Amino acid sequence: MKLDTLKTSVLKETILHGVHESGLRVFIIPKKGFCKYYAIYGTEYGSLDNVLKVPGSQETINLPDGIAHFLEHKLFEEEDGGNAFDRFALTGASSNAFTSFDMTAYLYSCTDSFYENLDILLDFVNHPYFTDENVSKEQGIIGQEIKMYDDDPGWRLFFNMLQGMFHNNPVKTDIAGTVESISHITPQLLYKCCDAYYNPSNMFLVLVGDIDGEKAIECIDRHVSAEKDRGRIDRPQINEPETVVEKKVTQKMSVSKPLFLIGFKETEQGVDGRELLKKQIMTQILVEVLFGKSSEFFMSLYSEGLIDGSFDKDSEIEKKYGFSSVTGESKDPDEVYKRVIAHIENVKKAGLNDADISRAKRILIGKNLRAYNSVENIGNNFIRCFMNNINPFEFRQTAEDIKKSELEARLLQHFTEDKAVLSVIEPLEG
């Protein structure tokens, strides 16, 4: 396997990258002198993948909600009765995993025994073991986890917004599924998902630290076989209307003060690479300008007591879904919603302020630069960039090159009331 080099003179950072004979895409970010290492091994498979087109056949399977998350849990369990967590613990490594809408990833950090830990990571992810008994046991465990999230006001606030926003996009479905949906998961289904989505051509390995590339490749050669390659996954298109389902979604839960989340739906899908990066940055700049804690809008609502220090903003713009949002606690969420919409319309009429744009760009570039001080942040940020065909070294220049006219066009396109949803968690009566 040959590793090519990508450098940035401004940041003095390097990426070694190549494609293993199995199809696995490998990225090494050397950090000379760092005493900490980080590895993240991810597959482009998450809760959005609810229909499986079986590679090499005409078979199509409707997958139970939550199966990607369920599979993440089960992969740590091994045939000899042990689990991968225990193996990592013996080397002193800290290991974990996560499932998102569009990715499942397995990771560890350590200060020594990096290659021994890399062997463990590549070994257990590539050797699934499922039985009726261990699947049934996990259904009970994850069922309790699902009930816990059902009682979490912040979690319900978020998914209620998504359910009010999206008609058909599976992003509206809880990543863990429901107690009923996971009851339909079988060992046979799990093996089919592993064969399709955990094939090397659908996976990425990102290694960060003072790493010897040749030793890392030797580990990959031992555990990742070209025979497992099923090629890239053929995914069905998501037919999602531009409209929202409901303008307001309300739920009563045990909270002392109403929680609100105002979301703006992204309607364009399928964009990746530099175009996606630019759209992500433009949206981040706009939410900072509109709703940042240094903005006049924030100070006005804060001084009136409509919002408090919990107020925050976010944007999540990806290939298959996207939204921007503002959230917090308020005695009057409906009034906050009205003020947010009115504020956006006023900015559209008056135009964006050059000083606000410049400040927002500096904030974003500063956050991006600080991430390079953490091996974990580098690994987590970079693997998502690589899955989206984005060069992470282009962030700063892309941000600096964005024009005011482009931001104003994005403001008109994305922040519109017809794409807005208000999610509210109200206190229980009494």
Protein backbone atom coordinates (compact mmCIF):
# COMPACT_ATOMS: atom_id res chain seq x y z
CA MET A 1 0.00 0.00 0.00
CA LYS A 2 1.41 3.35 -1.07
CA LEU A 3 0.88 6.46 1.04
CA ASP A 4 0.66 9.85 -0.65
CA THR A 5 1.36 13.11 1.19
CA LEU A 6 -0.87 16.13 1.54
CA LYS A 7 0.64 19.17 3.26
CA THR A 8 -0.36 22.67 4.29
CA SER A 9 2.38 25.24 4.65
CA VAL A 10 0.18 27.59 6.66
CA LEU A 11 -0.65 25.09 9.41
CA LYS A 12 2.54 23.03 8.99
CA GLU A 13 0.40 19.88 9.12
CA THR A 14 0.57 16.73 7.00
CA ILE A 15 -1.82 13.96 5.99
CA LEU A 16 -0.50 10.62 4.70
CA HIS A 17 -3.25 8.88 2.78
CA GLY A 18 -3.79 5.85 0.60
CA VAL A 19 -6.20 3.09 -0.37
CA HIS A 20 -5.46 -0.39 0.94
CA GLU A 21 -5.80 -3.30 -1.50
CA SER A 22 -9.03 -4.20 0.31
CA GLY A 23 -10.54 -0.80 -0.56
CA LEU A 24 -10.12 0.61 2.96
CA ARG A 25 -9.19 4.30 2.89
CA VAL A 26 -6.40 5.05 5.34
CA PHE A 27 -5.34 8.47 6.69
CA ILE A 28 -2.40 9.10 9.02
CA ILE A 29 -1.90 12.51 10.63
CA PRO A 30 1.66 12.57 12.05
CA LYS A 31 2.08 14.56 15.27
CA LYS A 32 5.77 14.44 16.04
CA GLY A 33 6.56 14.75 19.72
CA PHE A 34 2.98 14.02 20.88
CA CYS A 35 2.83 11.42 23.65
CA LYS A 36 -0.82 10.56 22.94
CA TYR A 37 -2.27 8.50 20.08
CA TYR A 38 -5.77 8.26 18.66
CA ALA A 39 -7.37 5.88 16.17
CA ILE A 40 -10.89 5.98 14.76
CA TYR A 41 -12.23 3.27 12.44
CA GLY A 42 -15.52 4.20 10.83
CA THR A 43 -18.07 2.92 8.37
CA GLU A 44 -20.39 5.10 6.33
CA TYR A 45 -23.40 3.45 7.95
CA GLY A 46 -25.85 5.00 10.39
CA SER A 47 -29.52 5.31 11.25
CA LEU A 48 -30.31 6.85 7.85
CA ASP A 49 -29.58 3.47 6.22
CA ASN A 50 -32.94 1.79 6.74
CA VAL A 51 -33.10 0.04 3.35
CA LEU A 52 -30.33 -2.42 2.40
CA LYS A 53 -29.67 -3.29 -1.22
CA VAL A 54 -27.72 -6.52 -0.74
CA PRO A 55 -24.44 -6.33 -2.71
CA GLY A 56 -24.24 -8.78 -5.59
CA SER A 57 -27.96 -9.53 -5.68
CA GLN A 58 -31.34 -7.96 -6.43
CA GLU A 59 -32.49 -8.42 -2.82
CA THR A 60 -33.70 -5.35 -0.92
CA ILE A 61 -34.30 -5.49 2.83
CA ASN A 62 -36.21 -2.98 4.96
CA LEU A 63 -34.09 -2.75 8.09
CA PRO A 64 -35.51 -2.27 11.61
CA ASP A 65 -34.97 1.20 13.07
CA GLY A 66 -31.97 1.18 15.41
CA ILE A 67 -30.09 -1.72 13.82
CA ALA A 68 -26.90 0.30 13.10
CA HIS A 69 -26.70 1.34 16.78
CA PHE A 70 -27.52 -2.23 17.88
CA LEU A 71 -24.72 -3.59 15.70
CA GLU A 72 -22.25 -1.13 17.21
CA HIS A 73 -23.00 -2.54 20.66
CA LYS A 74 -22.77 -6.17 19.57
CA LEU A 75 -19.43 -5.94 17.78
CA PHE A 76 -17.56 -5.54 21.08
CA GLU A 77 -18.73 -8.98 22.20
CA GLU A 78 -16.39 -11.82 21.19
CA GLU A 79 -16.82 -15.53 20.59
CA ASP A 80 -14.74 -16.63 23.59
CA GLY A 81 -17.11 -14.84 25.96
CA GLY A 82 -14.89 -11.80 26.44
CA ASN A 83 -15.23 -8.35 24.94
CA ALA A 84 -12.99 -5.82 23.24
CA PHE A 85 -13.29 -3.32 26.09
CA ASP A 86 -11.46 -5.74 28.38
CA ARG A 87 -8.69 -6.25 25.82
CA PHE A 88 -8.15 -2.51 25.51
CA ALA A 89 -8.17 -2.12 29.30
CA LEU A 90 -5.27 -4.55 29.63
CA THR A 91 -3.08 -2.20 27.54
CA GLY A 92 -4.23 0.93 29.38
CA ALA A 93 -6.13 2.27 26.36
CA SER A 94 -9.44 4.13 26.57
CA SER A 95 -11.92 2.80 23.98
CA ASN A 96 -15.40 3.73 22.86
CA ALA A 97 -17.78 3.78 19.88
CA PHE A 98 -20.70 5.82 18.57
CA THR A 99 -23.47 5.67 16.00
CA SER A 100 -24.78 8.82 14.31
CA PHE A 101 -27.23 9.44 11.49
CA ASP A 102 -24.67 8.58 8.80
CA MET A 103 -21.69 6.91 10.49
CA THR A 104 -20.68 4.24 12.99
CA ALA A 105 -17.18 4.53 14.45
CA TYR A 106 -14.93 2.63 16.86
CA LEU A 107 -12.08 4.40 18.56
CA TYR A 108 -9.39 4.36 21.20
CA SER A 109 -6.76 6.66 22.67
CA CYS A 110 -3.55 5.62 24.40
CA THR A 111 -0.07 6.78 25.39
CA ASP A 112 1.73 3.53 24.54
CA SER A 113 1.11 0.11 22.93
CA PHE A 114 -0.43 1.91 19.95
CA TYR A 115 0.11 -0.90 17.43
CA GLU A 116 -1.08 -3.58 19.85
CA ASN A 117 -4.27 -1.55 20.31
CA LEU A 118 -4.60 -1.08 16.56
CA ASP A 119 -4.49 -4.88 16.22
CA ILE A 120 -7.34 -5.14 18.75
CA LEU A 121 -9.43 -2.49 16.97
CA LEU A 122 -9.06 -4.00 13.51
CA ASP A 123 -9.53 -7.53 14.85
CA PHE A 124 -12.83 -7.17 16.71
CA VAL A 125 -14.52 -4.92 14.14
CA ASN A 126 -13.73 -7.44 11.40
CA HIS A 127 -14.83 -10.53 13.36
CA PRO A 128 -18.52 -10.21 14.27
CA TYR A 129 -20.12 -12.85 16.47
CA PHE A 130 -23.90 -13.02 16.87
CA THR A 131 -26.18 -15.68 18.35
CA ASP A 132 -29.87 -15.78 19.18
CA GLU A 133 -28.96 -15.71 22.87
CA ASN A 134 -26.63 -12.69 22.81
CA VAL A 135 -28.95 -10.74 20.49
CA SER A 136 -31.90 -11.36 22.82
CA LYS A 137 -29.82 -10.22 25.81
CA GLU A 138 -28.80 -7.01 24.01
CA GLN A 139 -32.42 -6.26 23.09
CA GLY A 140 -33.19 -5.99 26.79
CA ILE A 141 -30.16 -3.78 27.48
CA ILE A 142 -30.80 -1.39 24.59
CA GLY A 143 -34.51 -1.37 25.38
CA GLN A 144 -33.64 0.15 28.76
CA GLU A 145 -31.38 2.69 27.04
CA ILE A 146 -34.22 3.69 24.69
CA LYS A 147 -36.57 4.22 27.65
CA MET A 148 -33.93 6.38 29.32
CA TYR A 149 -33.70 8.61 26.23
CA ASP A 150 -37.50 8.77 26.04
CA ASP A 151 -37.38 10.42 29.48
CA ASP A 152 -34.63 12.89 28.51
CA PRO A 153 -36.19 16.34 27.79
CA GLY A 154 -33.25 17.52 25.68
CA TRP A 155 -33.35 14.36 23.54
CA ARG A 156 -37.10 14.60 23.01
CA LEU A 157 -36.83 18.33 22.22
CA PHE A 158 -34.34 17.52 19.43
CA PHE A 159 -36.16 14.59 17.84
CA ASN A 160 -39.54 16.30 18.12
CA MET A 161 -38.03 19.10 16.03
CA LEU A 162 -36.77 16.61 13.43
CA GLN A 163 -40.15 14.85 13.31
CA GLY A 164 -41.84 18.19 12.75
CA MET A 165 -39.31 19.05 10.05
CA PHE A 166 -38.92 15.95 7.86
CA HIS A 167 -41.57 13.93 6.04
CA ASN A 168 -39.62 10.94 4.69
CA ASN A 169 -35.98 11.43 5.65
CA PRO A 170 -34.99 8.77 8.24
CA VAL A 171 -33.07 11.47 10.14
CA LYS A 172 -36.34 12.05 12.01
CA THR A 173 -36.11 8.56 13.56
CA ASP A 174 -34.35 8.00 16.89
CA ILE A 175 -30.88 6.56 16.26
CA ALA A 176 -31.49 3.77 18.80
CA GLY A 177 -34.88 2.90 17.31
CA THR A 178 -37.79 1.82 19.51
CA VAL A 179 -38.29 -1.14 21.84
CA GLU A 180 -40.64 -2.60 19.22
CA SER A 181 -38.32 -2.03 16.22
CA ILE A 182 -35.24 -3.65 17.81
CA SER A 183 -37.32 -6.72 18.69
CA HIS A 184 -37.18 -7.62 14.98
CA ILE A 185 -33.36 -7.70 14.87
CA THR A 186 -31.89 -11.18 14.30
CA PRO A 187 -28.34 -12.56 14.00
CA GLN A 188 -28.98 -13.17 10.30
CA LEU A 189 -29.89 -9.50 9.72
CA LEU A 190 -26.82 -8.34 11.66
CA TYR A 191 -24.52 -10.53 9.57
CA LYS A 192 -26.05 -9.16 6.35
CA CYS A 193 -25.50 -5.58 7.54
CA CYS A 194 -21.91 -6.39 8.49
CA ASP A 195 -21.24 -7.97 5.11
CA ALA A 196 -22.64 -4.95 3.27
CA TYR A 197 -21.72 -1.91 5.36
CA TYR A 198 -18.59 -3.15 7.13
CA ASN A 199 -16.86 -4.00 3.89
CA PRO A 200 -13.52 -2.19 3.47
CA SER A 201 -14.61 0.01 0.55
CA ASN A 202 -17.24 1.57 2.80
CA MET A 203 -14.80 2.21 5.68
CA PHE A 204 -12.20 4.76 6.78
CA LEU A 205 -9.30 4.47 9.22
CA VAL A 206 -7.80 7.67 10.69
CA LEU A 207 -4.68 7.47 12.88
CA VAL A 208 -3.28 10.49 14.75
CA GLY A 209 0.00 10.72 16.67
CA ASP A 210 3.71 10.04 16.35
CA ILE A 211 3.02 7.07 14.10
CA ASP A 212 5.22 4.82 11.96
CA GLY A 213 3.24 4.39 8.72
CA GLU A 214 4.86 1.06 7.82
CA LYS A 215 3.98 -0.50 11.17
CA ALA A 216 0.41 0.74 10.85
CA ILE A 217 0.10 -0.81 7.38
CA GLU A 218 1.41 -4.13 8.73
CA CYS A 219 -1.46 -4.12 11.24
CA ILE A 220 -3.96 -3.40 8.47
CA ASP A 221 -2.57 -6.21 6.33
CA ARG A 222 -3.04 -8.67 9.20
CA HIS A 223 -6.72 -7.94 9.73
CA VAL A 224 -8.34 -6.43 6.62
CA SER A 225 -8.73 -8.75 3.65
CA ALA A 226 -9.44 -7.79 0.05
CA GLU A 227 -11.80 -10.79 -0.05
CA LYS A 228 -14.24 -8.89 2.18
CA ASP A 229 -14.61 -6.03 -0.29
CA ARG A 230 -18.18 -5.71 -1.60
CA GLY A 231 -17.63 -2.36 -3.32
CA ARG A 232 -19.43 0.91 -2.57
CA ILE A 233 -22.97 0.67 -1.25
CA ASP A 234 -25.88 1.35 -3.61
CA ARG A 235 -28.22 3.50 -1.52
CA PRO A 236 -31.77 4.51 -2.48
CA GLN A 237 -32.49 8.21 -2.92
CA ILE A 238 -34.51 9.93 -0.20
CA ASN A 239 -37.56 11.71 -1.61
CA GLU A 240 -38.00 14.60 0.83
CA PRO A 241 -40.36 17.53 0.14
CA GLU A 242 -39.15 21.06 0.83
CA THR A 243 -42.05 21.73 3.21
CA VAL A 244 -42.09 20.90 6.91
CA VAL A 245 -44.57 18.52 8.56
CA GLU A 246 -45.62 20.71 11.52
CA LYS A 247 -44.75 24.27 12.45
CA LYS A 248 -44.88 23.56 16.17
CA VAL A 249 -44.41 20.37 18.22
CA THR A 250 -45.12 20.45 21.96
CA GLN A 251 -44.61 17.83 24.66
CA LYS A 252 -45.06 18.01 28.44
CA MET A 253 -42.29 16.58 30.59
CA SER A 254 -40.76 17.00 34.01
CA VAL A 255 -38.94 20.32 33.54
CA SER A 256 -38.98 23.42 35.71
CA LYS A 257 -39.05 25.88 32.81
CA PRO A 258 -40.07 25.52 29.11
CA LEU A 259 -37.35 24.42 26.70
CA PHE A 260 -37.41 25.54 23.06
CA LEU A 261 -35.62 24.55 19.88
CA ILE A 262 -36.18 26.52 16.67
CA GLY A 263 -34.95 24.71 13.56
CA PHE A 264 -34.56 25.72 9.90
CA LYS A 265 -34.72 22.88 7.40
CA GLU A 266 -32.07 22.41 4.71
CA THR A 267 -33.71 21.25 1.48
CA GLU A 268 -30.74 20.51 -0.80
CA GLN A 269 -29.26 16.98 -0.70
CA GLY A 270 -26.37 15.16 -2.33
CA VAL A 271 -23.74 17.92 -2.15
CA ASP A 272 -20.24 16.94 -1.02
CA GLY A 273 -16.61 18.03 -1.34
CA ARG A 274 -15.63 21.69 -1.37
CA GLU A 275 -19.20 22.75 -2.21
CA LEU A 276 -20.47 21.11 0.98
CA LEU A 277 -17.61 22.59 3.02
CA LYS A 278 -18.44 26.07 1.75
CA LYS A 279 -22.13 25.64 2.55
CA GLN A 280 -21.29 24.40 6.05
CA ILE A 281 -19.02 27.37 6.75
CA MET A 282 -21.46 29.91 5.32
CA THR A 283 -24.21 28.54 7.56
CA GLN A 284 -21.92 28.59 10.61
CA ILE A 285 -20.99 32.21 9.90
CA LEU A 286 -24.66 33.16 9.61
CA VAL A 287 -25.76 31.52 12.87
CA GLU A 288 -22.86 33.27 14.62
CA VAL A 289 -23.76 36.66 13.11
CA LEU A 290 -27.49 36.25 13.77
CA PHE A 291 -27.50 34.56 17.17
CA GLY A 292 -24.00 34.64 18.70
CA LYS A 293 -23.71 35.79 22.30
CA SER A 294 -21.96 38.96 21.14
CA SER A 295 -24.89 39.86 18.85
CA GLU A 296 -27.34 42.66 19.58
CA PHE A 297 -30.17 40.14 19.23
CA PHE A 298 -28.86 37.96 22.06
CA MET A 299 -28.23 40.93 24.35
CA SER A 300 -31.71 42.34 23.69
CA LEU A 301 -33.57 39.11 24.53
CA TYR A 302 -31.26 38.38 27.45
CA SER A 303 -31.80 41.81 29.01
CA GLU A 304 -35.57 41.38 28.67
CA GLY A 305 -35.44 38.02 30.46
CA LEU A 306 -36.77 36.11 27.45
CA ILE A 307 -33.66 33.93 27.29
CA ASP A 308 -30.82 33.06 29.67
CA GLY A 309 -27.29 31.70 29.52
CA SER A 310 -28.53 28.36 28.18
CA PHE A 311 -29.26 29.99 24.80
CA ASP A 312 -27.15 28.42 22.04
CA LYS A 313 -27.03 28.01 18.29
CA ASP A 314 -25.89 25.27 15.91
CA SER A 315 -25.88 24.11 12.31
CA GLU A 316 -25.58 20.59 10.95
CA ILE A 317 -25.35 20.52 7.16
CA GLU A 318 -24.52 17.08 5.71
CA LYS A 319 -24.92 15.23 2.40
CA LYS A 320 -28.27 13.64 3.22
CA TYR A 321 -29.85 16.08 5.65
CA GLY A 322 -29.34 19.46 7.24
CA PHE A 323 -30.71 22.06 9.63
CA SER A 324 -29.74 25.10 11.67
CA SER A 325 -31.13 25.78 15.11
CA VAL A 326 -31.29 27.97 18.19
CA THR A 327 -32.20 26.56 21.59
CA GLY A 328 -32.52 27.40 25.26
CA GLU A 329 -34.93 27.95 28.14
CA SER A 330 -37.61 30.64 28.12
CA LYS A 331 -40.77 31.59 29.96
CA ASP A 332 -42.32 32.34 26.55
CA PRO A 333 -40.98 30.17 23.66
CA ASP A 334 -43.62 31.51 21.24
CA GLU A 335 -42.40 35.06 21.76
CA VAL A 336 -38.79 33.96 21.24
CA TYR A 337 -39.85 32.29 17.98
CA LYS A 338 -41.58 35.49 16.80
CA ARG A 339 -38.53 37.56 17.67
CA VAL A 340 -36.17 35.16 15.89
CA ILE A 341 -38.23 35.27 12.68
CA ALA A 342 -38.58 39.07 12.86
CA HIS A 343 -34.84 39.46 13.48
CA ILE A 344 -33.98 37.37 10.43
CA GLU A 345 -36.34 39.39 8.24
CA ASN A 346 -34.84 42.65 9.50
CA VAL A 347 -31.31 41.47 8.71
CA LYS A 348 -32.43 40.42 5.23
CA LYS A 349 -33.77 43.92 4.58
CA ALA A 350 -30.84 45.81 6.12
CA GLY A 351 -28.10 43.51 4.81
CA LEU A 352 -25.28 41.90 6.75
CA ASN A 353 -22.72 43.98 8.61
CA ASP A 354 -19.10 43.65 7.39
CA ALA A 355 -17.69 43.82 10.92
CA ASP A 356 -20.05 41.05 12.11
CA ILE A 357 -18.99 38.84 9.20
CA SER A 358 -15.30 39.42 9.89
CA ARG A 359 -15.74 38.65 13.60
CA ALA A 360 -17.69 35.45 12.87
CA LYS A 361 -15.01 34.26 10.45
CA ARG A 362 -12.29 34.82 13.06
CA ILE A 363 -14.29 32.88 15.65
CA LEU A 364 -14.73 29.89 13.32
CA ILE A 365 -11.12 29.89 12.11
CA GLY A 366 -9.92 30.11 15.72
CA LYS A 367 -12.02 27.09 16.73
CA ASN A 368 -10.71 25.16 13.74
CA LEU A 369 -7.09 25.96 14.60
CA ARG A 370 -7.53 24.99 18.27
CA ALA A 371 -8.76 21.55 17.21
CA TYR A 372 -5.26 20.74 15.96
CA ASN A 373 -4.02 20.64 19.58
CA SER A 374 -6.11 17.54 20.34
CA VAL A 375 -5.56 14.13 18.70
CA GLU A 376 -9.21 13.26 19.45
CA ASN A 377 -10.56 16.40 17.79
CA ILE A 378 -8.33 15.86 14.76
CA GLY A 379 -9.48 12.25 14.35
CA ASN A 380 -13.18 12.94 14.83
CA ASN A 381 -13.24 16.03 12.60
CA PHE A 382 -11.10 14.55 9.87
CA ILE A 383 -12.96 11.26 9.46
CA ARG A 384 -16.19 13.14 8.83
CA CYS A 385 -14.40 15.38 6.31
CA PHE A 386 -12.95 12.37 4.50
CA MET A 387 -16.35 10.66 4.32
CA ASN A 388 -17.72 13.83 2.72
CA ASN A 389 -14.81 14.08 0.26
CA ILE A 390 -13.61 17.26 2.01
CA ASN A 391 -9.99 18.31 2.40
CA PRO A 392 -9.88 19.58 6.02
CA PHE A 393 -6.88 21.78 5.23
CA GLU A 394 -9.14 23.93 3.01
CA PHE A 395 -11.26 25.19 5.92
CA ARG A 396 -9.40 28.41 6.61
CA GLN A 397 -9.00 29.55 3.01
CA THR A 398 -12.59 28.64 2.18
CA ALA A 399 -13.83 30.70 5.14
CA GLU A 400 -11.69 33.69 4.23
CA ASP A 401 -12.80 33.62 0.57
CA ILE A 402 -16.55 33.66 1.29
CA LYS A 403 -18.10 36.91 0.04
CA LYS A 404 -20.79 38.99 1.70
CA SER A 405 -23.05 38.54 -1.33
CA GLU A 406 -22.78 34.75 -1.00
CA LEU A 407 -23.74 34.93 2.67
CA GLU A 408 -26.74 37.12 1.91
CA ALA A 409 -27.88 34.66 -0.77
CA ARG A 410 -27.51 31.79 1.72
CA LEU A 411 -29.48 33.80 4.30
CA LEU A 412 -32.36 34.24 1.87
CA GLN A 413 -32.32 30.58 0.86
CA HIS A 414 -31.93 28.80 4.20
CA PHE A 415 -33.43 30.99 6.94
CA THR A 416 -37.06 31.19 5.85
CA GLU A 417 -40.17 30.93 8.02
CA ASP A 418 -41.79 28.31 5.78
CA LYS A 419 -38.87 25.95 6.65
CA ALA A 420 -38.94 26.75 10.38
CA VAL A 421 -40.14 24.45 13.17
CA LEU A 422 -40.62 25.29 16.85
CA SER A 423 -40.18 22.39 19.29
CA VAL A 424 -41.18 23.01 22.91
CA ILE A 425 -40.96 20.93 26.08
CA GLU A 426 -43.42 22.35 28.62
CA PRO A 427 -43.51 21.65 32.37
CA LEU A 428 -46.06 19.14 33.58
CA GLU A 429 -49.16 20.74 35.02
CA GLY A 430 -48.88 21.15 38.77
